[in-house]
């Protein structure tokens, strides 16, 4: 006979396993889509080159744009562009789902805080969930420190923002005399 703790542990392990498998499946699907897109672009470039060498496509008609001339000809197709759009759409959908998931988690956290503040009985009832949420928060904060290396920060910085030095940061030392 399993205890309540054993059932919770089994459910936690099952949830962790399914989450891990779904993230692996999503990652493998993304890699396959990227590989297919790369293949489509290579194939399109080879077709364009062959059509140009055979004299079937004239880049001078589009102002010297070779790929534009190929796309406007009867030989061009838009498979690569459609695949690229599909990848961007799937990435934006994943970001939206993650944002919704984070918002639901934040709403649940605020609700738990209100419930636990109401009475000791509700605090005891929700103690396990609060403990799990606290452990995940601590884990995320400690994992963030590993990303705070100088190399990672330099890679992720916003390169469009420039620091504006104060106008009077360098003063002539003779002014003090």
N, C-alpha and C. Protein backbone atom coordinates (compact mmCIF):
# COMPACT_ATOMS: atom_id res chain seq x y z
N UNK A 1 0.84 -1.18 0.00
CA UNK A 1 0.00 0.00 0.00
C UNK A 1 0.89 1.25 0.00
N UNK A 2 0.62 2.13 -0.97
CA UNK A 2 1.43 3.33 -1.06
C UNK A 2 0.88 4.42 -0.15
N UNK A 3 1.78 5.17 0.38
CA UNK A 3 1.36 6.29 1.22
C UNK A 3 1.07 7.50 0.35
N UNK A 4 0.53 8.50 0.98
CA UNK A 4 0.23 9.75 0.25
C UNK A 4 1.51 10.35 -0.30
N UNK A 5 2.58 10.31 0.44
CA UNK A 5 3.86 10.86 0.00
C UNK A 5 4.38 10.09 -1.20
N UNK A 6 4.20 8.77 -1.19
CA UNK A 6 4.64 7.95 -2.32
C UNK A 6 3.85 8.28 -3.58
N UNK A 7 2.54 8.51 -3.43
CA UNK A 7 1.72 8.88 -4.59
C UNK A 7 2.10 10.25 -5.12
N UNK A 8 2.36 11.20 -4.22
CA UNK A 8 2.79 12.52 -4.65
C UNK A 8 4.12 12.44 -5.38
N UNK A 9 5.02 11.62 -4.85
CA UNK A 9 6.33 11.47 -5.47
C UNK A 9 6.19 10.86 -6.86
N UNK A 10 5.34 9.84 -7.00
CA UNK A 10 5.14 9.20 -8.30
C UNK A 10 4.52 10.19 -9.28
N UNK A 11 3.55 10.97 -8.82
CA UNK A 11 2.93 11.97 -9.69
C UNK A 11 3.93 13.04 -10.10
N UNK A 12 4.78 13.43 -9.17
CA UNK A 12 5.81 14.43 -9.48
C UNK A 12 6.79 13.90 -10.50
N UNK A 13 7.21 12.67 -10.33
CA UNK A 13 8.14 12.07 -11.28
C UNK A 13 7.50 11.92 -12.66
N UNK A 14 6.23 11.52 -12.69
CA UNK A 14 5.54 11.38 -13.97
C UNK A 14 5.41 12.73 -14.66
N UNK A 15 5.07 13.77 -13.89
CA UNK A 15 4.95 15.11 -14.47
C UNK A 15 6.29 15.60 -14.99
N UNK A 16 7.36 15.35 -14.24
CA UNK A 16 8.70 15.76 -14.68
C UNK A 16 9.10 15.01 -15.95
N UNK A 17 8.79 13.72 -15.99
CA UNK A 17 9.13 12.92 -17.17
C UNK A 17 8.38 13.41 -18.40
N UNK A 18 7.07 13.65 -18.27
CA UNK A 18 6.29 14.09 -19.43
C UNK A 18 6.73 15.48 -19.89
N UNK A 19 7.06 16.35 -18.94
CA UNK A 19 7.56 17.68 -19.31
C UNK A 19 8.88 17.58 -20.05
N UNK A 20 9.77 16.73 -19.55
CA UNK A 20 11.08 16.55 -20.19
C UNK A 20 10.92 15.97 -21.59
N UNK A 21 10.06 14.97 -21.73
CA UNK A 21 9.86 14.34 -23.04
C UNK A 21 9.24 15.32 -24.04
N UNK A 22 8.28 16.11 -23.58
CA UNK A 22 7.65 17.07 -24.51
C UNK A 22 8.65 18.15 -24.93
N UNK A 23 9.50 18.60 -24.01
CA UNK A 23 10.51 19.59 -24.39
C UNK A 23 11.54 18.98 -25.35
N UNK A 24 11.92 17.72 -25.12
CA UNK A 24 12.83 17.05 -26.06
C UNK A 24 12.17 16.89 -27.42
N UNK A 25 10.91 16.51 -27.45
CA UNK A 25 10.19 16.35 -28.71
C UNK A 25 10.08 17.67 -29.46
N UNK A 26 9.79 18.75 -28.72
CA UNK A 26 9.72 20.06 -29.35
C UNK A 26 11.07 20.49 -29.92
N UNK A 27 12.14 20.23 -29.15
CA UNK A 27 13.48 20.59 -29.60
C UNK A 27 13.88 19.80 -30.83
N UNK A 28 13.57 18.50 -30.86
CA UNK A 28 13.90 17.68 -32.03
C UNK A 28 13.07 18.12 -33.24
N UNK A 29 11.82 18.47 -33.03
CA UNK A 29 10.99 18.97 -34.12
C UNK A 29 11.53 20.27 -34.68
N UNK A 30 11.99 21.14 -33.79
CA UNK A 30 12.58 22.41 -34.24
C UNK A 30 13.85 22.17 -35.04
N UNK A 31 14.69 21.26 -34.58
CA UNK A 31 15.92 20.94 -35.32
C UNK A 31 15.59 20.35 -36.70
N UNK A 32 14.57 19.50 -36.78
CA UNK A 32 14.17 18.92 -38.07
C UNK A 32 13.64 20.00 -39.00
N UNK A 33 12.86 20.94 -38.46
CA UNK A 33 12.35 22.02 -39.30
C UNK A 33 13.48 22.90 -39.81
N UNK A 34 14.46 23.18 -38.95
CA UNK A 34 15.61 23.98 -39.38
C UNK A 34 16.42 23.27 -40.46
N UNK A 35 16.58 21.96 -40.30
CA UNK A 35 17.33 21.18 -41.30
C UNK A 35 16.60 21.19 -42.64
N UNK A 36 15.28 21.03 -42.59
CA UNK A 36 14.49 21.06 -43.82
C UNK A 36 14.55 22.42 -44.49
N UNK A 37 14.49 23.48 -43.70
CA UNK A 37 14.57 24.83 -44.26
C UNK A 37 15.92 25.06 -44.92
N UNK A 38 16.98 24.61 -44.28
CA UNK A 38 18.33 24.74 -44.85
C UNK A 38 18.40 23.99 -46.18
N UNK A 39 17.83 22.79 -46.23
CA UNK A 39 17.81 21.99 -47.46
C UNK A 39 17.03 22.71 -48.54
N UNK A 40 15.88 23.31 -48.19
CA UNK A 40 15.07 24.02 -49.18
C UNK A 40 15.81 25.22 -49.76
N UNK A 41 16.53 25.96 -48.92
CA UNK A 41 17.29 27.10 -49.42
C UNK A 41 18.44 26.66 -50.32
N UNK A 42 19.13 25.58 -49.95
CA UNK A 42 20.22 25.07 -50.78
C UNK A 42 19.67 24.60 -52.12
N UNK A 43 18.55 23.89 -52.09
CA UNK A 43 17.94 23.40 -53.32
C UNK A 43 17.48 24.56 -54.20
N UNK A 44 16.88 25.58 -53.59
CA UNK A 44 16.42 26.73 -54.35
C UNK A 44 17.60 27.47 -54.99
N UNK A 45 18.67 27.61 -54.26
CA UNK A 45 19.86 28.29 -54.80
C UNK A 45 20.44 27.49 -55.97
N UNK A 46 20.48 26.16 -55.86
CA UNK A 46 21.00 25.33 -56.95
C UNK A 46 20.11 25.44 -58.18
N UNK A 47 18.79 25.45 -57.99
CA UNK A 47 17.87 25.59 -59.12
C UNK A 47 18.04 26.95 -59.78
N UNK A 48 18.21 27.99 -58.97
CA UNK A 48 18.40 29.34 -59.52
C UNK A 48 19.68 29.41 -60.34
N UNK A 49 20.73 28.84 -59.81
CA UNK A 49 22.01 28.85 -60.51
C UNK A 49 21.91 28.10 -61.83
N UNK A 50 21.26 26.94 -61.83
CA UNK A 50 21.11 26.15 -63.05
C UNK A 50 20.27 26.91 -64.09
N UNK A 51 19.19 27.55 -63.64
CA UNK A 51 18.34 28.30 -64.57
C UNK A 51 19.09 29.50 -65.14
N UNK A 52 19.91 30.14 -64.32
CA UNK A 52 20.68 31.29 -64.80
C UNK A 52 21.74 30.86 -65.81
N UNK A 53 22.44 29.76 -65.51
CA UNK A 53 23.48 29.28 -66.43
C UNK A 53 22.90 28.81 -67.76
N UNK A 54 21.69 28.29 -67.73
CA UNK A 54 21.05 27.83 -68.98
C UNK A 54 20.44 28.99 -69.76
N UNK A 55 20.40 30.18 -69.16
CA UNK A 55 19.85 31.34 -69.84
C UNK A 55 18.35 31.44 -69.75
N UNK A 56 17.75 30.72 -68.81
CA UNK A 56 16.29 30.75 -68.68
C UNK A 56 15.81 31.91 -67.80
N UNK A 57 16.72 32.46 -66.99
CA UNK A 57 16.38 33.55 -66.07
C UNK A 57 17.37 34.68 -66.32
N UNK A 58 16.88 35.90 -66.40
CA UNK A 58 17.75 37.05 -66.66
C UNK A 58 17.68 38.02 -65.48
N UNK A 59 18.74 38.09 -64.66
CA UNK A 59 18.73 38.99 -63.50
C UNK A 59 18.62 40.46 -63.87
N UNK A 60 19.01 40.83 -65.09
CA UNK A 60 18.95 42.24 -65.47
C UNK A 60 17.51 42.74 -65.52
N UNK A 61 16.55 41.83 -65.63
CA UNK A 61 15.14 42.22 -65.67
C UNK A 61 14.65 42.74 -64.33
N UNK A 62 15.32 42.34 -63.25
CA UNK A 62 14.92 42.79 -61.91
C UNK A 62 16.00 43.65 -61.27
N UNK A 63 16.78 44.33 -62.08
CA UNK A 63 17.80 45.22 -61.53
C UNK A 63 19.00 44.49 -60.97
N UNK A 64 19.33 43.33 -61.50
CA UNK A 64 20.50 42.58 -61.05
C UNK A 64 20.24 41.63 -59.90
N UNK A 65 19.02 41.54 -59.44
CA UNK A 65 18.68 40.65 -58.32
C UNK A 65 18.45 39.24 -58.87
N UNK A 66 19.41 38.35 -58.61
CA UNK A 66 19.34 37.00 -59.18
C UNK A 66 18.18 36.19 -58.62
N UNK A 67 18.05 36.19 -57.31
CA UNK A 67 16.97 35.40 -56.69
C UNK A 67 15.60 36.00 -56.98
N UNK A 68 15.53 37.33 -57.07
CA UNK A 68 14.26 37.96 -57.42
C UNK A 68 13.83 37.59 -58.83
N UNK A 69 14.79 37.56 -59.75
CA UNK A 69 14.47 37.17 -61.12
C UNK A 69 14.02 35.71 -61.18
N UNK A 70 14.67 34.87 -60.39
CA UNK A 70 14.30 33.46 -60.37
C UNK A 70 12.91 33.28 -59.79
N UNK A 71 12.59 34.00 -58.73
CA UNK A 71 11.28 33.86 -58.10
C UNK A 71 10.15 34.35 -59.00
N UNK A 72 10.41 35.40 -59.79
CA UNK A 72 9.36 35.91 -60.67
C UNK A 72 9.21 35.07 -61.94
N UNK A 73 10.20 34.23 -62.22
CA UNK A 73 10.10 33.39 -63.41
C UNK A 73 9.17 32.20 -63.13
N UNK A 74 8.90 31.43 -64.15
CA UNK A 74 8.03 30.27 -63.99
C UNK A 74 8.74 29.12 -63.27
N UNK A 75 10.04 29.24 -63.05
CA UNK A 75 10.81 28.17 -62.39
C UNK A 75 10.83 28.31 -60.87
N UNK A 76 10.55 29.49 -60.36
CA UNK A 76 10.64 29.74 -58.92
C UNK A 76 9.46 29.17 -58.16
N UNK A 77 9.71 28.83 -56.91
CA UNK A 77 8.64 28.41 -56.00
C UNK A 77 8.86 29.07 -54.65
N UNK A 78 7.87 29.02 -53.80
CA UNK A 78 7.98 29.69 -52.51
C UNK A 78 7.99 28.70 -51.35
N UNK A 79 8.52 27.52 -51.57
CA UNK A 79 8.58 26.51 -50.50
C UNK A 79 9.45 26.97 -49.34
N UNK A 80 10.61 27.56 -49.65
CA UNK A 80 11.52 28.00 -48.59
C UNK A 80 10.90 29.14 -47.78
N UNK A 81 10.25 30.07 -48.45
CA UNK A 81 9.62 31.18 -47.74
C UNK A 81 8.48 30.69 -46.85
N UNK A 82 7.70 29.74 -47.35
CA UNK A 82 6.60 29.18 -46.54
C UNK A 82 7.14 28.44 -45.33
N UNK A 83 8.21 27.67 -45.52
CA UNK A 83 8.81 26.95 -44.40
C UNK A 83 9.39 27.92 -43.38
N UNK A 84 10.00 28.98 -43.86
CA UNK A 84 10.55 29.99 -42.95
C UNK A 84 9.44 30.65 -42.15
N UNK A 85 8.33 30.97 -42.81
CA UNK A 85 7.19 31.55 -42.10
C UNK A 85 6.63 30.58 -41.07
N UNK A 86 6.61 29.29 -41.41
CA UNK A 86 6.10 28.29 -40.47
C UNK A 86 6.98 28.21 -39.22
N UNK A 87 8.29 28.29 -39.41
CA UNK A 87 9.20 28.25 -38.26
C UNK A 87 8.99 29.47 -37.37
N UNK A 88 8.89 30.64 -37.97
CA UNK A 88 8.69 31.86 -37.19
C UNK A 88 7.36 31.81 -36.45
N UNK A 89 6.32 31.30 -37.11
CA UNK A 89 5.01 31.18 -36.48
C UNK A 89 5.06 30.22 -35.30
N UNK A 90 5.73 29.08 -35.46
CA UNK A 90 5.82 28.12 -34.36
C UNK A 90 6.62 28.69 -33.19
N UNK A 91 7.68 29.43 -33.48
CA UNK A 91 8.46 30.06 -32.40
C UNK A 91 7.62 31.10 -31.65
N UNK A 92 6.87 31.91 -32.40
CA UNK A 92 6.04 32.91 -31.73
C UNK A 92 4.92 32.25 -30.93
N UNK A 93 4.37 31.14 -31.44
CA UNK A 93 3.36 30.40 -30.68
C UNK A 93 3.94 29.84 -29.38
N UNK A 94 5.16 29.29 -29.46
CA UNK A 94 5.81 28.76 -28.25
C UNK A 94 6.06 29.85 -27.23
N UNK A 95 6.51 31.03 -27.70
CA UNK A 95 6.74 32.15 -26.78
C UNK A 95 5.43 32.60 -26.14
N UNK A 96 4.36 32.63 -26.92
CA UNK A 96 3.06 33.02 -26.38
C UNK A 96 2.57 32.02 -25.34
N UNK A 97 2.73 30.72 -25.63
CA UNK A 97 2.32 29.69 -24.67
C UNK A 97 3.12 29.79 -23.38
N UNK A 98 4.42 30.06 -23.51
CA UNK A 98 5.26 30.20 -22.32
C UNK A 98 4.84 31.42 -21.50
N UNK A 99 4.50 32.50 -22.20
CA UNK A 99 4.06 33.71 -21.51
C UNK A 99 2.74 33.46 -20.77
N UNK A 100 1.81 32.76 -21.42
CA UNK A 100 0.53 32.44 -20.79
C UNK A 100 0.74 31.53 -19.58
N UNK A 101 1.64 30.54 -19.73
CA UNK A 101 1.94 29.62 -18.63
C UNK A 101 2.54 30.38 -17.44
N UNK A 102 3.45 31.31 -17.72
CA UNK A 102 4.05 32.11 -16.64
C UNK A 102 3.02 32.99 -15.97
N UNK A 103 2.11 33.56 -16.76
CA UNK A 103 1.06 34.41 -16.19
C UNK A 103 0.11 33.60 -15.31
N UNK A 104 -0.26 32.39 -15.76
CA UNK A 104 -1.12 31.54 -14.94
C UNK A 104 -0.42 31.17 -13.63
N UNK A 105 0.87 30.89 -13.71
CA UNK A 105 1.63 30.56 -12.51
C UNK A 105 1.69 31.75 -11.55
N UNK A 106 1.85 32.95 -12.10
CA UNK A 106 1.89 34.14 -11.26
C UNK A 106 0.54 34.40 -10.60
N UNK A 107 -0.54 34.20 -11.35
CA UNK A 107 -1.88 34.38 -10.78
C UNK A 107 -2.12 33.36 -9.67
N UNK A 108 -1.72 32.11 -9.92
CA UNK A 108 -1.88 31.07 -8.89
C UNK A 108 -1.05 31.42 -7.65
N UNK A 109 0.15 31.94 -7.84
CA UNK A 109 0.99 32.32 -6.70
C UNK A 109 0.37 33.43 -5.88
N UNK A 110 -0.20 34.43 -6.55
CA UNK A 110 -0.86 35.52 -5.82
C UNK A 110 -2.08 34.98 -5.06
N UNK A 111 -2.84 34.08 -5.69
CA UNK A 111 -4.00 33.50 -5.04
C UNK A 111 -3.58 32.69 -3.81
N UNK A 112 -2.51 31.91 -3.95
CA UNK A 112 -2.01 31.13 -2.82
C UNK A 112 -1.59 32.03 -1.66
N UNK A 113 -0.94 33.14 -1.99
CA UNK A 113 -0.50 34.06 -0.95
C UNK A 113 -1.70 34.62 -0.19
N UNK A 114 -2.76 34.96 -0.91
CA UNK A 114 -3.98 35.48 -0.27
C UNK A 114 -4.64 34.39 0.58
N UNK A 115 -4.73 33.18 0.07
CA UNK A 115 -5.35 32.08 0.80
C UNK A 115 -4.58 31.75 2.08
N UNK A 116 -3.26 31.73 1.97
CA UNK A 116 -2.45 31.40 3.15
C UNK A 116 -2.52 32.49 4.21
N UNK A 117 -2.75 33.73 3.78
CA UNK A 117 -2.86 34.83 4.74
C UNK A 117 -4.19 34.82 5.47
N UNK A 118 -5.19 34.12 4.93
CA UNK A 118 -6.52 34.11 5.55
C UNK A 118 -6.55 33.33 6.86
N UNK A 119 -5.97 32.12 6.85
CA UNK A 119 -6.03 31.32 8.08
C UNK A 119 -4.90 30.30 8.10
N UNK A 120 -4.64 29.80 9.30
CA UNK A 120 -3.59 28.79 9.46
C UNK A 120 -4.00 27.47 8.82
N UNK A 121 -5.30 27.15 8.82
CA UNK A 121 -5.76 25.91 8.23
C UNK A 121 -5.51 25.90 6.71
N UNK A 122 -5.81 27.01 6.05
CA UNK A 122 -5.56 27.09 4.61
C UNK A 122 -4.06 27.07 4.32
N UNK A 123 -3.29 27.68 5.21
CA UNK A 123 -1.83 27.66 5.04
C UNK A 123 -1.31 26.23 5.15
N UNK A 124 -1.84 25.47 6.09
CA UNK A 124 -1.43 24.07 6.23
C UNK A 124 -1.91 23.24 5.05
N UNK A 125 -3.10 23.55 4.55
CA UNK A 125 -3.65 22.81 3.41
C UNK A 125 -2.80 23.01 2.15
N UNK A 126 -2.33 24.23 1.92
CA UNK A 126 -1.55 24.56 0.72
C UNK A 126 -0.05 24.49 0.95
N UNK A 127 0.40 23.96 2.07
CA UNK A 127 1.82 23.97 2.43
C UNK A 127 2.67 23.24 1.40
N UNK A 128 2.22 22.10 0.89
CA UNK A 128 3.01 21.32 -0.06
C UNK A 128 3.20 22.09 -1.37
N UNK A 129 2.14 22.71 -1.86
CA UNK A 129 2.25 23.47 -3.11
C UNK A 129 3.15 24.69 -2.92
N UNK A 130 3.02 25.36 -1.79
CA UNK A 130 3.88 26.51 -1.50
C UNK A 130 5.34 26.07 -1.43
N UNK A 131 5.59 24.91 -0.81
CA UNK A 131 6.97 24.41 -0.71
C UNK A 131 7.54 24.10 -2.09
N UNK A 132 6.74 23.47 -2.96
CA UNK A 132 7.20 23.14 -4.31
C UNK A 132 7.47 24.42 -5.10
N UNK A 133 6.57 25.41 -4.98
CA UNK A 133 6.77 26.67 -5.69
C UNK A 133 8.00 27.39 -5.18
N UNK A 134 8.24 27.36 -3.89
CA UNK A 134 9.43 28.00 -3.32
C UNK A 134 10.70 27.31 -3.80
N UNK A 135 10.67 25.98 -3.84
CA UNK A 135 11.85 25.24 -4.31
C UNK A 135 12.14 25.54 -5.77
N UNK A 136 11.09 25.63 -6.60
CA UNK A 136 11.32 25.94 -8.02
C UNK A 136 11.82 27.37 -8.19
N UNK A 137 11.35 28.30 -7.37
CA UNK A 137 11.82 29.68 -7.45
C UNK A 137 13.29 29.76 -7.04
N UNK A 138 13.65 29.08 -5.97
CA UNK A 138 15.05 29.07 -5.52
C UNK A 138 15.94 28.45 -6.58
N UNK A 139 15.47 27.36 -7.19
CA UNK A 139 16.25 26.70 -8.24
C UNK A 139 16.45 27.62 -9.44
N UNK A 140 15.38 28.34 -9.84
CA UNK A 140 15.52 29.24 -10.98
C UNK A 140 16.46 30.40 -10.68
N UNK A 141 16.45 30.88 -9.44
CA UNK A 141 17.34 31.98 -9.07
C UNK A 141 18.80 31.52 -9.00
N UNK A 142 19.02 30.30 -8.53
CA UNK A 142 20.41 29.81 -8.46
C UNK A 142 20.92 29.44 -9.85
N UNK A 143 20.04 28.97 -10.74
CA UNK A 143 20.46 28.67 -12.11
C UNK A 143 20.77 29.94 -12.88
N UNK A 144 20.09 31.04 -12.53
CA UNK A 144 20.32 32.31 -13.24
C UNK A 144 21.73 32.82 -12.98
N UNK A 145 22.30 32.48 -11.83
CA UNK A 145 23.65 32.94 -11.52
C UNK A 145 24.67 32.34 -12.46
N UNK A 146 24.42 31.13 -12.96
CA UNK A 146 25.35 30.52 -13.89
C UNK A 146 25.35 31.26 -15.22
N UNK A 147 24.23 31.88 -15.57
CA UNK A 147 24.15 32.64 -16.82
C UNK A 147 24.72 34.04 -16.68
N UNK A 148 25.08 34.43 -15.50
CA UNK A 148 25.55 35.80 -15.28
C UNK A 148 27.04 35.95 -15.50
N UNK A 149 27.63 35.05 -16.27
CA UNK A 149 29.05 35.20 -16.59
C UNK A 149 29.21 36.37 -17.55
N UNK A 150 30.40 36.95 -17.57
CA UNK A 150 30.65 38.12 -18.40
C UNK A 150 30.44 37.81 -19.88
N UNK A 151 30.88 36.66 -20.33
CA UNK A 151 30.74 36.31 -21.75
C UNK A 151 29.27 36.23 -22.15
N UNK A 152 28.45 35.59 -21.30
CA UNK A 152 27.03 35.46 -21.59
C UNK A 152 26.34 36.82 -21.56
N UNK A 153 26.70 37.64 -20.59
CA UNK A 153 26.10 38.97 -20.51
C UNK A 153 26.47 39.82 -21.72
N UNK A 154 27.69 39.71 -22.18
CA UNK A 154 28.10 40.46 -23.36
C UNK A 154 27.38 39.99 -24.61
N UNK A 155 27.12 38.69 -24.71
CA UNK A 155 26.40 38.16 -25.87
C UNK A 155 24.95 38.62 -25.88
N UNK A 156 24.33 38.69 -24.72
CA UNK A 156 22.90 38.98 -24.64
C UNK A 156 22.58 40.45 -24.50
N UNK A 157 23.56 41.31 -24.44
CA UNK A 157 23.28 42.72 -24.20
C UNK A 157 22.59 43.35 -25.41
N UNK A 158 21.90 44.42 -25.15
CA UNK A 158 21.23 45.15 -26.22
C UNK A 158 22.26 46.09 -26.83
N UNK A 159 22.67 45.82 -28.05
CA UNK A 159 23.74 46.57 -28.67
C UNK A 159 23.27 47.92 -29.21
N UNK A 160 21.97 48.15 -29.21
CA UNK A 160 21.47 49.43 -29.70
C UNK A 160 21.56 50.52 -28.63
N UNK A 161 21.61 50.11 -27.37
CA UNK A 161 21.67 51.09 -26.28
C UNK A 161 23.13 51.46 -26.03
N UNK A 162 23.39 52.73 -25.96
CA UNK A 162 24.74 53.23 -25.69
C UNK A 162 24.71 54.00 -24.38
N UNK A 163 25.78 53.84 -23.63
CA UNK A 163 25.89 54.56 -22.37
C UNK A 163 26.29 55.99 -22.65
N UNK A 164 25.55 56.95 -22.08
CA UNK A 164 25.88 58.36 -22.28
C UNK A 164 26.70 58.83 -21.08
N UNK A 165 27.94 59.10 -21.35
CA UNK A 165 28.81 59.59 -20.30
C UNK A 165 28.43 61.02 -19.95
N UNK A 166 28.57 61.39 -18.68
CA UNK A 166 28.27 62.78 -18.31
C UNK A 166 29.22 63.73 -19.02
N UNK A 167 28.73 64.91 -19.29
CA UNK A 167 29.53 65.88 -20.04
C UNK A 167 30.75 66.32 -19.24
N UNK A 168 30.65 66.36 -17.93
CA UNK A 168 31.75 66.88 -17.12
C UNK A 168 32.47 65.77 -16.37
N UNK A 169 32.55 64.58 -16.96
CA UNK A 169 33.23 63.48 -16.27
C UNK A 169 34.74 63.70 -16.21
N UNK A 170 35.28 64.28 -17.26
CA UNK A 170 36.70 64.59 -17.28
C UNK A 170 36.89 66.10 -17.16
N UNK A 171 37.50 66.48 -16.07
CA UNK A 171 37.73 67.91 -15.84
C UNK A 171 39.22 68.20 -15.92
N UNK A 172 39.49 69.38 -16.28
CA UNK A 172 40.88 69.78 -16.33
C UNK A 172 41.39 69.89 -14.89
N UNK A 173 42.51 69.27 -14.62
CA UNK A 173 43.05 69.26 -13.25
C UNK A 173 43.55 70.63 -12.82
N UNK A 174 43.79 71.47 -13.78
CA UNK A 174 44.26 72.81 -13.44
C UNK A 174 43.13 73.66 -12.90
N UNK A 175 41.86 73.27 -13.11
CA UNK A 175 40.73 74.05 -12.57
C UNK A 175 40.72 74.05 -11.06
N UNK A 176 41.25 73.02 -10.44
CA UNK A 176 41.27 72.96 -8.98
C UNK A 176 42.27 73.94 -8.38
N UNK A 177 43.24 74.38 -9.16
CA UNK A 177 44.26 75.30 -8.64
C UNK A 177 43.78 76.68 -8.68
